[in-house]
Amino acid sequence: MFYQLWHNPSTNFMDEFDSIEEAADVLDAAVRRDGPGFLTDTYLVVFDEAGEEHLVAQGEAILVTVKRLAAEERRSAEGRLRKVG
């Protein structure tokens, strides 16, 4: 899976992320630097294992969504580690 950030009005590709955690870190830094308006006209998509594209979130909701998904991913990974250990 990988994630892509796009600018909606122009449909220009903006960035690509290998994980939701990377997307959360990069987008959080961009919003702190440029303000929440940075995300106003953007959307984030994920490409699944089959290569299918799915909308994750749009606009300012992207940051909240990626932070929630990254936290869920970390909890899931920690749970898998506990089962192995």
N, C-alpha and C. Protein backbone atom coordinates (compact mmCIF):
# COMPACT_ATOMS: atom_id res chain seq x y z
N MET A 1 0.84 -1.18 0.00
CA MET A 1 0.00 0.00 0.00
C MET A 1 0.89 1.24 0.00
N PHE A 2 0.38 2.28 -0.64
CA PHE A 2 1.03 3.57 -0.56
C PHE A 2 -0.04 4.65 -0.69
N TYR A 3 0.33 5.86 -0.29
CA TYR A 3 -0.60 6.97 -0.22
C TYR A 3 -0.12 8.10 -1.11
N GLN A 4 -1.07 8.83 -1.71
CA GLN A 4 -0.72 9.99 -2.53
C GLN A 4 -1.59 11.17 -2.14
N LEU A 5 -0.96 12.34 -2.10
CA LEU A 5 -1.64 13.60 -1.84
C LEU A 5 -1.78 14.35 -3.16
N TRP A 6 -3.00 14.81 -3.44
CA TRP A 6 -3.30 15.50 -4.69
C TRP A 6 -3.94 16.85 -4.40
N HIS A 7 -3.71 17.80 -5.30
CA HIS A 7 -4.37 19.10 -5.25
C HIS A 7 -5.63 18.98 -6.09
N ASN A 8 -6.78 19.26 -5.49
CA ASN A 8 -8.06 18.99 -6.14
C ASN A 8 -8.35 19.86 -7.36
N PRO A 9 -8.33 21.19 -7.26
CA PRO A 9 -8.72 21.97 -8.44
C PRO A 9 -7.83 21.71 -9.67
N SER A 10 -6.54 21.55 -9.45
CA SER A 10 -5.63 21.37 -10.58
C SER A 10 -5.37 19.90 -10.91
N THR A 11 -5.76 19.00 -10.04
CA THR A 11 -5.45 17.57 -10.10
C THR A 11 -3.95 17.31 -10.23
N ASN A 12 -3.15 18.17 -9.61
CA ASN A 12 -1.70 17.98 -9.59
C ASN A 12 -1.29 17.07 -8.45
N PHE A 13 -0.41 16.13 -8.75
CA PHE A 13 0.19 15.27 -7.74
C PHE A 13 1.08 16.12 -6.84
N MET A 14 0.99 15.93 -5.51
CA MET A 14 1.78 16.73 -4.58
C MET A 14 2.85 15.92 -3.86
N ASP A 15 2.51 14.71 -3.39
CA ASP A 15 3.47 13.93 -2.64
C ASP A 15 3.00 12.49 -2.54
N GLU A 16 3.94 11.59 -2.22
CA GLU A 16 3.63 10.17 -2.05
C GLU A 16 4.27 9.68 -0.76
N PHE A 17 3.56 8.79 -0.07
CA PHE A 17 4.01 8.28 1.22
C PHE A 17 3.94 6.76 1.22
N ASP A 18 4.95 6.14 1.80
CA ASP A 18 4.99 4.68 1.87
C ASP A 18 4.11 4.12 2.97
N SER A 19 3.76 4.96 3.96
CA SER A 19 2.95 4.49 5.07
C SER A 19 2.07 5.63 5.57
N ILE A 20 1.05 5.27 6.31
CA ILE A 20 0.16 6.28 6.89
C ILE A 20 0.91 7.07 7.95
N GLU A 21 1.87 6.42 8.64
CA GLU A 21 2.66 7.13 9.64
C GLU A 21 3.50 8.23 8.99
N GLU A 22 4.11 7.92 7.85
CA GLU A 22 4.89 8.92 7.12
C GLU A 22 3.99 10.06 6.67
N ALA A 23 2.81 9.75 6.16
CA ALA A 23 1.87 10.79 5.73
C ALA A 23 1.50 11.68 6.91
N ALA A 24 1.22 11.08 8.06
CA ALA A 24 0.85 11.87 9.24
C ALA A 24 1.98 12.81 9.64
N ASP A 25 3.21 12.32 9.67
CA ASP A 25 4.35 13.15 10.06
C ASP A 25 4.58 14.30 9.09
N VAL A 26 4.58 14.02 7.80
CA VAL A 26 4.85 15.04 6.79
C VAL A 26 3.72 16.07 6.75
N LEU A 27 2.48 15.62 6.79
CA LEU A 27 1.36 16.55 6.71
C LEU A 27 1.24 17.39 7.97
N ASP A 28 1.53 16.80 9.12
CA ASP A 28 1.51 17.56 10.37
C ASP A 28 2.56 18.68 10.32
N ALA A 29 3.75 18.37 9.84
CA ALA A 29 4.80 19.39 9.71
C ALA A 29 4.40 20.47 8.72
N ALA A 30 3.78 20.10 7.61
CA ALA A 30 3.35 21.08 6.60
C ALA A 30 2.29 22.02 7.15
N VAL A 31 1.34 21.47 7.92
CA VAL A 31 0.29 22.30 8.50
C VAL A 31 0.87 23.23 9.56
N ARG A 32 1.82 22.73 10.36
CA ARG A 32 2.46 23.61 11.35
C ARG A 32 3.22 24.74 10.66
N ARG A 33 3.83 24.44 9.53
CA ARG A 33 4.62 25.43 8.80
C ARG A 33 3.72 26.40 8.03
N ASP A 34 2.72 25.88 7.30
CA ASP A 34 1.93 26.69 6.37
C ASP A 34 0.51 27.00 6.84
N GLY A 35 0.08 26.40 7.95
CA GLY A 35 -1.28 26.60 8.43
C GLY A 35 -2.24 25.58 7.86
N PRO A 36 -3.40 25.44 8.49
CA PRO A 36 -4.37 24.41 8.07
C PRO A 36 -4.92 24.65 6.67
N GLY A 37 -4.85 25.87 6.18
CA GLY A 37 -5.33 26.14 4.83
C GLY A 37 -4.55 25.38 3.76
N PHE A 38 -3.35 24.91 4.14
CA PHE A 38 -2.54 24.11 3.22
C PHE A 38 -3.33 22.93 2.66
N LEU A 39 -4.21 22.35 3.47
CA LEU A 39 -4.94 21.15 3.08
C LEU A 39 -6.31 21.42 2.44
N THR A 40 -6.71 22.68 2.38
CA THR A 40 -8.06 23.02 1.95
C THR A 40 -8.46 22.37 0.63
N ASP A 41 -7.64 22.46 -0.37
CA ASP A 41 -7.99 21.94 -1.69
C ASP A 41 -7.23 20.68 -2.04
N THR A 42 -7.04 19.81 -1.07
CA THR A 42 -6.28 18.58 -1.31
C THR A 42 -7.13 17.35 -0.98
N TYR A 43 -6.66 16.21 -1.47
CA TYR A 43 -7.27 14.94 -1.08
C TYR A 43 -6.17 13.89 -1.03
N LEU A 44 -6.37 12.92 -0.16
CA LEU A 44 -5.41 11.84 0.05
C LEU A 44 -6.05 10.53 -0.38
N VAL A 45 -5.33 9.76 -1.18
CA VAL A 45 -5.83 8.46 -1.62
C VAL A 45 -4.83 7.38 -1.20
N VAL A 46 -5.34 6.17 -1.07
CA VAL A 46 -4.49 5.02 -0.80
C VAL A 46 -4.66 4.05 -1.96
N PHE A 47 -3.55 3.44 -2.34
CA PHE A 47 -3.58 2.37 -3.34
C PHE A 47 -3.36 1.07 -2.59
N ASP A 48 -4.34 0.17 -2.66
CA ASP A 48 -4.25 -1.08 -1.92
C ASP A 48 -3.36 -2.09 -2.64
N GLU A 49 -3.27 -3.29 -2.08
CA GLU A 49 -2.40 -4.33 -2.63
C GLU A 49 -2.77 -4.72 -4.06
N ALA A 50 -4.03 -4.53 -4.42
CA ALA A 50 -4.50 -4.86 -5.76
C ALA A 50 -4.31 -3.69 -6.74
N GLY A 51 -3.78 -2.58 -6.24
CA GLY A 51 -3.58 -1.41 -7.08
C GLY A 51 -4.81 -0.53 -7.22
N GLU A 52 -5.84 -0.83 -6.44
CA GLU A 52 -7.07 -0.05 -6.47
C GLU A 52 -6.90 1.22 -5.65
N GLU A 53 -7.42 2.32 -6.17
CA GLU A 53 -7.35 3.62 -5.51
C GLU A 53 -8.59 3.86 -4.66
N HIS A 54 -8.38 4.34 -3.41
CA HIS A 54 -9.48 4.63 -2.50
C HIS A 54 -9.24 5.97 -1.83
N LEU A 55 -10.28 6.78 -1.76
CA LEU A 55 -10.19 8.07 -1.08
C LEU A 55 -10.06 7.85 0.42
N VAL A 56 -9.07 8.50 1.04
CA VAL A 56 -8.90 8.43 2.50
C VAL A 56 -9.61 9.61 3.14
N ALA A 57 -9.34 10.83 2.66
CA ALA A 57 -9.96 12.03 3.22
C ALA A 57 -9.69 13.20 2.30
N GLN A 58 -10.45 14.27 2.53
CA GLN A 58 -10.29 15.49 1.75
C GLN A 58 -10.13 16.69 2.67
N GLY A 59 -9.45 17.71 2.17
CA GLY A 59 -9.35 18.99 2.87
C GLY A 59 -8.73 18.87 4.25
N GLU A 60 -9.19 19.73 5.13
CA GLU A 60 -8.61 19.79 6.46
C GLU A 60 -8.87 18.52 7.28
N ALA A 61 -9.80 17.69 6.87
CA ALA A 61 -10.06 16.42 7.56
C ALA A 61 -8.92 15.43 7.35
N ILE A 62 -8.05 15.68 6.38
CA ILE A 62 -6.94 14.76 6.11
C ILE A 62 -6.07 14.58 7.34
N LEU A 63 -5.68 15.68 7.98
CA LEU A 63 -4.75 15.58 9.09
C LEU A 63 -5.34 14.77 10.24
N VAL A 64 -6.58 15.02 10.59
CA VAL A 64 -7.23 14.26 11.66
C VAL A 64 -7.30 12.78 11.29
N THR A 65 -7.65 12.51 10.05
CA THR A 65 -7.81 11.13 9.59
C THR A 65 -6.48 10.39 9.59
N VAL A 66 -5.42 11.00 9.06
CA VAL A 66 -4.14 10.28 9.01
C VAL A 66 -3.57 10.06 10.41
N LYS A 67 -3.78 11.01 11.31
CA LYS A 67 -3.31 10.81 12.69
C LYS A 67 -4.06 9.65 13.35
N ARG A 68 -5.37 9.57 13.12
CA ARG A 68 -6.16 8.46 13.69
C ARG A 68 -5.73 7.13 13.09
N LEU A 69 -5.57 7.08 11.77
CA LEU A 69 -5.15 5.84 11.12
C LEU A 69 -3.75 5.42 11.53
N ALA A 70 -2.84 6.39 11.70
CA ALA A 70 -1.48 6.07 12.13
C ALA A 70 -1.49 5.50 13.55
N ALA A 71 -2.31 6.07 14.43
CA ALA A 71 -2.42 5.56 15.80
C ALA A 71 -2.99 4.15 15.80
N GLU A 72 -3.99 3.89 14.96
CA GLU A 72 -4.57 2.55 14.86
C GLU A 72 -3.53 1.56 14.34
N GLU A 73 -2.74 1.98 13.37
CA GLU A 73 -1.70 1.11 12.81
C GLU A 73 -0.65 0.77 13.86
N ARG A 74 -0.25 1.76 14.65
CA ARG A 74 0.73 1.51 15.73
C ARG A 74 0.18 0.53 16.76
N ARG A 75 -1.09 0.73 17.16
CA ARG A 75 -1.71 -0.19 18.13
C ARG A 75 -1.79 -1.60 17.57
N SER A 76 -2.12 -1.71 16.31
CA SER A 76 -2.21 -3.02 15.66
C SER A 76 -0.84 -3.69 15.62
N ALA A 77 0.19 -2.93 15.27
CA ALA A 77 1.55 -3.48 15.22
C ALA A 77 2.02 -3.91 16.60
N GLU A 78 1.69 -3.10 17.61
CA GLU A 78 2.07 -3.46 18.99
C GLU A 78 1.37 -4.73 19.42
N GLY A 79 0.12 -4.89 19.04
CA GLY A 79 -0.63 -6.10 19.37
C GLY A 79 -0.02 -7.34 18.71
N ARG A 80 0.42 -7.19 17.46
CA ARG A 80 1.06 -8.32 16.77
C ARG A 80 2.38 -8.67 17.46
N LEU A 81 3.12 -7.68 17.90
CA LEU A 81 4.39 -7.94 18.59
C LEU A 81 4.16 -8.67 19.91
N ARG A 82 3.12 -8.27 20.65
CA ARG A 82 2.82 -8.93 21.92
C ARG A 82 2.45 -10.39 21.71
N LYS A 83 1.73 -10.69 20.63
CA LYS A 83 1.33 -12.08 20.36
C LYS A 83 2.53 -12.93 20.01
N VAL A 84 3.51 -12.35 19.30
CA VAL A 84 4.71 -13.09 18.92
C VAL A 84 5.62 -13.30 20.11
N GLY A 85 5.74 -12.26 20.95
CA GLY A 85 6.66 -12.29 22.11
C GLY A 85 6.10 -13.08 23.18
